Amino acid sequence: MVDFFEIDETKKTVKILNLDDFSVDDLKKYIEELNQEIDRVNLEINKKDNFKKDAENYFK
């Protein structure tokens, strides 16, 4: 997603893009990269949920 985003590391935020500046091909590539990022985030959520469940089971 480096192609599209400017990241503010101190605030952990991403600047908003002006989509008018992109071609249709660029927008499709952007969607593809966003979907990959969503998948990555969902994997991290699942990993943390599993870790939490394991910890809860350990202390039961």
PDB file of N, CA and C in Angstrom:
ATOM      1  N   MET A   1       0.820  -1.191   0.000  1.00  0.00           N
ATOM      2  CA  MET A   1       0.000   0.000   0.000  1.00  0.00           C
ATOM      3  C   MET A   1       0.860   1.249   0.000  1.00  0.00           C
ATOM      4  N   VAL A   2       2.112   1.067  -0.113  1.00  0.00           N
ATOM      5  CA  VAL A   2       3.038   2.192  -0.122  1.00  0.00           C
ATOM      6  C   VAL A   2       2.796   3.098  -1.321  1.00  0.00           C
ATOM      7  N   ASP A   3       2.280   2.537  -2.403  1.00  0.00           N
ATOM      8  CA  ASP A   3       2.062   3.325  -3.609  1.00  0.00           C
ATOM      9  C   ASP A   3       1.057   4.454  -3.406  1.00  0.00           C
ATOM     10  N   PHE A   4       0.129   4.285  -2.491  1.00  0.00           N
ATOM     11  CA  PHE A   4      -0.985   5.212  -2.395  1.00  0.00           C
ATOM     12  C   PHE A   4      -1.013   6.068  -1.141  1.00  0.00           C
ATOM     13  N   PHE A   5      -0.353   5.649  -0.094  1.00  0.00           N
ATOM     14  CA  PHE A   5      -0.530   6.302   1.190  1.00  0.00           C
ATOM     15  C   PHE A   5       0.670   7.116   1.629  1.00  0.00           C
ATOM     16  N   GLU A   6       0.367   8.195   2.311  1.00  0.00           N
ATOM     17  CA  GLU A   6       1.364   8.907   3.089  1.00  0.00           C
ATOM     18  C   GLU A   6       0.990   8.673   4.544  1.00  0.00           C
ATOM     19  N   ILE A   7       1.919   8.134   5.307  1.00  0.00           N
ATOM     20  CA  ILE A   7       1.634   7.745   6.682  1.00  0.00           C
ATOM     21  C   ILE A   7       2.295   8.718   7.641  1.00  0.00           C
ATOM     22  N   ASP A   8       1.521   9.153   8.623  1.00  0.00           N
ATOM     23  CA  ASP A   8       2.056   9.962   9.710  1.00  0.00           C
ATOM     24  C   ASP A   8       2.401   8.994  10.836  1.00  0.00           C
ATOM     25  N   GLU A   9       3.676   8.674  10.962  1.00  0.00           N
ATOM     26  CA  GLU A   9       4.129   7.668  11.929  1.00  0.00           C
ATOM     27  C   GLU A   9       3.860   8.088  13.370  1.00  0.00           C
ATOM     28  N   THR A  10       3.919   9.364  13.669  1.00  0.00           N
ATOM     29  CA  THR A  10       3.719   9.786  15.058  1.00  0.00           C
ATOM     30  C   THR A  10       2.271   9.617  15.491  1.00  0.00           C
ATOM     31  N   LYS A  11       1.339   9.867  14.583  1.00  0.00           N
ATOM     32  CA  LYS A  11      -0.086   9.744  14.907  1.00  0.00           C
ATOM     33  C   LYS A  11      -0.659   8.388  14.511  1.00  0.00           C
ATOM     34  N   LYS A  12       0.131   7.584  13.775  1.00  0.00           N
ATOM     35  CA  LYS A  12      -0.327   6.283  13.263  1.00  0.00           C
ATOM     36  C   LYS A  12      -1.593   6.454  12.419  1.00  0.00           C
ATOM     37  N   THR A  13      -1.577   7.467  11.551  1.00  0.00           N
ATOM     38  CA  THR A  13      -2.724   7.732  10.685  1.00  0.00           C
ATOM     39  C   THR A  13      -2.269   7.791   9.233  1.00  0.00           C
ATOM     40  N   VAL A  14      -3.245   7.721   8.347  1.00  0.00           N
ATOM     41  CA  VAL A  14      -2.997   7.791   6.917  1.00  0.00           C
ATOM     42  C   VAL A  14      -3.717   9.020   6.382  1.00  0.00           C
ATOM     43  N   LYS A  15      -3.028   9.752   5.522  1.00  0.00           N
ATOM     44  CA  LYS A  15      -3.660  10.920   4.918  1.00  0.00           C
ATOM     45  C   LYS A  15      -4.715  10.466   3.918  1.00  0.00           C
ATOM     46  N   ILE A  16      -5.776  11.232   3.812  1.00  0.00           N
ATOM     47  CA  ILE A  16      -6.870  10.939   2.888  1.00  0.00           C
ATOM     48  C   ILE A  16      -6.412  11.211   1.455  1.00  0.00           C
ATOM     49  N   LEU A  17      -6.794  10.331   0.551  1.00  0.00           N
ATOM     50  CA  LEU A  17      -6.444  10.482  -0.848  1.00  0.00           C
ATOM     51  C   LEU A  17      -7.532  11.215  -1.611  1.00  0.00           C
ATOM     52  N   ASN A  18      -7.118  12.005  -2.581  1.00  0.00           N
ATOM     53  CA  ASN A  18      -8.055  12.597  -3.509  1.00  0.00           C
ATOM     54  C   ASN A  18      -8.172  11.629  -4.685  1.00  0.00           C
ATOM     55  N   LEU A  19      -9.245  10.895  -4.735  1.00  0.00           N
ATOM     56  CA  LEU A  19      -9.407   9.848  -5.742  1.00  0.00           C
ATOM     57  C   LEU A  19      -9.566  10.406  -7.151  1.00  0.00           C
ATOM     58  N   ASP A  20      -9.888  11.671  -7.276  1.00  0.00           N
ATOM     59  CA  ASP A  20     -10.011  12.299  -8.596  1.00  0.00           C
ATOM     60  C   ASP A  20      -8.691  12.269  -9.357  1.00  0.00           C
ATOM     61  N   ASP A  21      -7.605  12.170  -8.634  1.00  0.00           N
ATOM     62  CA  ASP A  21      -6.279  12.201  -9.250  1.00  0.00           C
ATOM     63  C   ASP A  21      -5.858  10.862  -9.851  1.00  0.00           C
ATOM     64  N   PHE A  22      -6.643   9.795  -9.653  1.00  0.00           N
ATOM     65  CA  PHE A  22      -6.254   8.460 -10.086  1.00  0.00           C
ATOM     66  C   PHE A  22      -7.006   8.012 -11.328  1.00  0.00           C
ATOM     67  N   SER A  23      -6.319   7.241 -12.143  1.00  0.00           N
ATOM     68  CA  SER A  23      -6.966   6.625 -13.303  1.00  0.00           C
ATOM     69  C   SER A  23      -7.800   5.437 -12.827  1.00  0.00           C
ATOM     70  N   VAL A  24      -8.582   4.882 -13.732  1.00  0.00           N
ATOM     71  CA  VAL A  24      -9.384   3.706 -13.398  1.00  0.00           C
ATOM     72  C   VAL A  24      -8.471   2.544 -13.029  1.00  0.00           C
ATOM     73  N   ASP A  25      -7.384   2.360 -13.770  1.00  0.00           N
ATOM     74  CA  ASP A  25      -6.442   1.280 -13.450  1.00  0.00           C
ATOM     75  C   ASP A  25      -5.815   1.475 -12.078  1.00  0.00           C
ATOM     76  N   ASP A  26      -5.468   2.706 -11.754  1.00  0.00           N
ATOM     77  CA  ASP A  26      -4.910   2.987 -10.431  1.00  0.00           C
ATOM     78  C   ASP A  26      -5.930   2.713  -9.332  1.00  0.00           C
ATOM     79  N   LEU A  27      -7.179   3.059  -9.577  1.00  0.00           N
ATOM     80  CA  LEU A  27      -8.227   2.810  -8.582  1.00  0.00           C
ATOM     81  C   LEU A  27      -8.436   1.314  -8.371  1.00  0.00           C
ATOM     82  N   LYS A  28      -8.369   0.537  -9.430  1.00  0.00           N
ATOM     83  CA  LYS A  28      -8.497  -0.917  -9.297  1.00  0.00           C
ATOM     84  C   LYS A  28      -7.326  -1.497  -8.508  1.00  0.00           C
ATOM     85  N   LYS A  29      -6.138  -0.991  -8.784  1.00  0.00           N
ATOM     86  CA  LYS A  29      -4.967  -1.443  -8.029  1.00  0.00           C
ATOM     87  C   LYS A  29      -5.109  -1.047  -6.562  1.00  0.00           C
ATOM     88  N   TYR A  30      -5.623   0.131  -6.325  1.00  0.00           N
ATOM     89  CA  TYR A  30      -5.845   0.612  -4.961  1.00  0.00           C
ATOM     90  C   TYR A  30      -6.824  -0.296  -4.222  1.00  0.00           C
ATOM     91  N   ILE A  31      -7.901  -0.671  -4.868  1.00  0.00           N
ATOM     92  CA  ILE A  31      -8.880  -1.593  -4.264  1.00  0.00           C
ATOM     93  C   ILE A  31      -8.222  -2.928  -3.938  1.00  0.00           C
ATOM     94  N   GLU A  32      -7.411  -3.426  -4.851  1.00  0.00           N
ATOM     95  CA  GLU A  32      -6.725  -4.698  -4.622  1.00  0.00           C
ATOM     96  C   GLU A  32      -5.811  -4.609  -3.395  1.00  0.00           C
ATOM     97  N   GLU A  33      -5.087  -3.521  -3.290  1.00  0.00           N
ATOM     98  CA  GLU A  33      -4.194  -3.350  -2.141  1.00  0.00           C
ATOM     99  C   GLU A  33      -4.979  -3.178  -0.845  1.00  0.00           C
ATOM    100  N   LEU A  34      -6.107  -2.487  -0.902  1.00  0.00           N
ATOM    101  CA  LEU A  34      -6.945  -2.353   0.292  1.00  0.00           C
ATOM    102  C   LEU A  34      -7.476  -3.711   0.735  1.00  0.00           C
ATOM    103  N   ASN A  35      -7.899  -4.536  -0.211  1.00  0.00           N
ATOM    104  CA  ASN A  35      -8.383  -5.880   0.132  1.00  0.00           C
ATOM    105  C   ASN A  35      -7.287  -6.718   0.763  1.00  0.00           C
ATOM    106  N   GLN A  36      -6.069  -6.601   0.258  1.00  0.00           N
ATOM    107  CA  GLN A  36      -4.947  -7.318   0.861  1.00  0.00           C
ATOM    108  C   GLN A  36      -4.696  -6.823   2.282  1.00  0.00           C
ATOM    109  N   GLU A  37      -4.834  -5.538   2.500  1.00  0.00           N
ATOM    110  CA  GLU A  37      -4.633  -4.987   3.841  1.00  0.00           C
ATOM    111  C   GLU A  37      -5.737  -5.441   4.786  1.00  0.00           C
ATOM    112  N   ILE A  38      -6.962  -5.507   4.289  1.00  0.00           N
ATOM    113  CA  ILE A  38      -8.078  -6.009   5.097  1.00  0.00           C
ATOM    114  C   ILE A  38      -7.817  -7.449   5.509  1.00  0.00           C
ATOM    115  N   ASP A  39      -7.350  -8.264   4.578  1.00  0.00           N
ATOM    116  CA  ASP A  39      -7.022  -9.656   4.901  1.00  0.00           C
ATOM    117  C   ASP A  39      -5.934  -9.731   5.967  1.00  0.00           C
ATOM    118  N   ARG A  40      -4.926  -8.886   5.848  1.00  0.00           N
ATOM    119  CA  ARG A  40      -3.826  -8.871   6.821  1.00  0.00           C
ATOM    120  C   ARG A  40      -4.333  -8.482   8.208  1.00  0.00           C
ATOM    121  N   VAL A  41      -5.204  -7.488   8.253  1.00  0.00           N
ATOM    122  CA  VAL A  41      -5.760  -7.042   9.533  1.00  0.00           C
ATOM    123  C   VAL A  41      -6.647  -8.120  10.138  1.00  0.00           C
ATOM    124  N   ASN A  42      -7.454  -8.779   9.318  1.00  0.00           N
ATOM    125  CA  ASN A  42      -8.308  -9.854   9.827  1.00  0.00           C
ATOM    126  C   ASN A  42      -7.474 -10.993  10.404  1.00  0.00           C
ATOM    127  N   LEU A  43      -6.362 -11.325   9.772  1.00  0.00           N
ATOM    128  CA  LEU A  43      -5.477 -12.353  10.325  1.00  0.00           C
ATOM    129  C   LEU A  43      -4.926 -11.938  11.683  1.00  0.00           C
ATOM    130  N   GLU A  44      -4.567 -10.690  11.814  1.00  0.00           N
ATOM    131  CA  GLU A  44      -4.037 -10.193  13.090  1.00  0.00           C
ATOM    132  C   GLU A  44      -5.115 -10.229  14.174  1.00  0.00           C
ATOM    133  N   ILE A  45      -6.341  -9.864  13.815  1.00  0.00           N
ATOM    134  CA  ILE A  45      -7.451  -9.922  14.767  1.00  0.00           C
ATOM    135  C   ILE A  45      -7.666 -11.359  15.224  1.00  0.00           C
ATOM    136  N   ASN A  46      -7.675 -12.298  14.287  1.00  0.00           N
ATOM    137  CA  ASN A  46      -7.856 -13.710  14.642  1.00  0.00           C
ATOM    138  C   ASN A  46      -6.737 -14.201  15.538  1.00  0.00           C
ATOM    139  N   LYS A  47      -5.520 -13.804  15.243  1.00  0.00           N
ATOM    140  CA  LYS A  47      -4.381 -14.209  16.061  1.00  0.00           C
ATOM    141  C   LYS A  47      -4.532 -13.693  17.495  1.00  0.00           C
ATOM    142  N   LYS A  48      -4.945 -12.442  17.626  1.00  0.00           N
ATOM    143  CA  LYS A  48      -5.101 -11.859  18.962  1.00  0.00           C
ATOM    144  C   LYS A  48      -6.286 -12.469  19.702  1.00  0.00           C
ATOM    145  N   ASP A  49      -7.367 -12.756  18.974  1.00  0.00           N
ATOM    146  CA  ASP A  49      -8.519 -13.419  19.595  1.00  0.00           C
ATOM    147  C   ASP A  49      -8.126 -14.804  20.118  1.00  0.00           C
ATOM    148  N   ASN A  50      -7.364 -15.541  19.308  1.00  0.00           N
ATOM    149  CA  ASN A  50      -6.927 -16.877  19.736  1.00  0.00           C
ATOM    150  C   ASN A  50      -6.004 -16.788  20.941  1.00  0.00           C
ATOM    151  N   PHE A  51      -5.121 -15.823  20.943  1.00  0.00           N
ATOM    152  CA  PHE A  51      -4.224 -15.637  22.080  1.00  0.00           C
ATOM    153  C   PHE A  51      -5.013 -15.326  23.346  1.00  0.00           C
ATOM    154  N   LYS A  52      -6.033 -14.481  23.199  1.00  0.00           N
ATOM    155  CA  LYS A  52      -6.875 -14.116  24.344  1.00  0.00           C
ATOM    156  C   LYS A  52      -7.637 -15.348  24.861  1.00  0.00           C
ATOM    157  N   LYS A  53      -8.181 -16.147  23.952  1.00  0.00           N
ATOM    158  CA  LYS A  53      -8.911 -17.360  24.358  1.00  0.00           C
ATOM    159  C   LYS A  53      -7.982 -18.336  25.071  1.00  0.00           C
ATOM    160  N   ASP A  54      -6.767 -18.494  24.537  1.00  0.00           N
ATOM    161  CA  ASP A  54      -5.810 -19.384  25.186  1.00  0.00           C
ATOM    162  C   ASP A  54      -5.482 -18.903  26.585  1.00  0.00           C
ATOM    163  N   ALA A  55      -5.318 -17.609  26.754  1.00  0.00           N
ATOM    164  CA  ALA A  55      -5.007 -17.055  28.080  1.00  0.00           C
ATOM    165  C   ALA A  55      -6.180 -17.241  29.029  1.00  0.00           C
ATOM    166  N   GLU A  56      -7.393 -17.021  28.551  1.00  0.00           N
ATOM    167  CA  GLU A  56      -8.577 -17.216  29.387  1.00  0.00           C
ATOM    168  C   GLU A  56      -8.704 -18.685  29.809  1.00  0.00           C
ATOM    169  N   ASN A  57      -8.460 -19.593  28.895  1.00  0.00           N
ATOM    170  CA  ASN A  57      -8.541 -21.023  29.216  1.00  0.00           C
ATOM    171  C   ASN A  57      -7.466 -21.427  30.205  1.00  0.00           C
ATOM    172  N   TYR A  58      -6.323 -20.820  30.117  1.00  0.00           N
ATOM    173  CA  TYR A  58      -5.218 -21.139  31.022  1.00  0.00           C
ATOM    174  C   TYR A  58      -5.561 -20.762  32.457  1.00  0.00           C
ATOM    175  N   PHE A  59      -6.275 -19.660  32.654  1.00  0.00           N
ATOM    176  CA  PHE A  59      -6.570 -19.172  33.995  1.00  0.00           C
ATOM    177  C   PHE A  59      -7.924 -19.630  34.527  1.00  0.00           C
ATOM    178  N   LYS A  60      -8.575 -20.533  33.830  1.00  0.00           N
ATOM    179  CA  LYS A  60      -9.860 -21.072  34.327  1.00  0.00           C
ATOM    180  C   LYS A  60      -9.632 -22.147  35.340  1.00  0.00           C
TER     181      LYS A  60
END
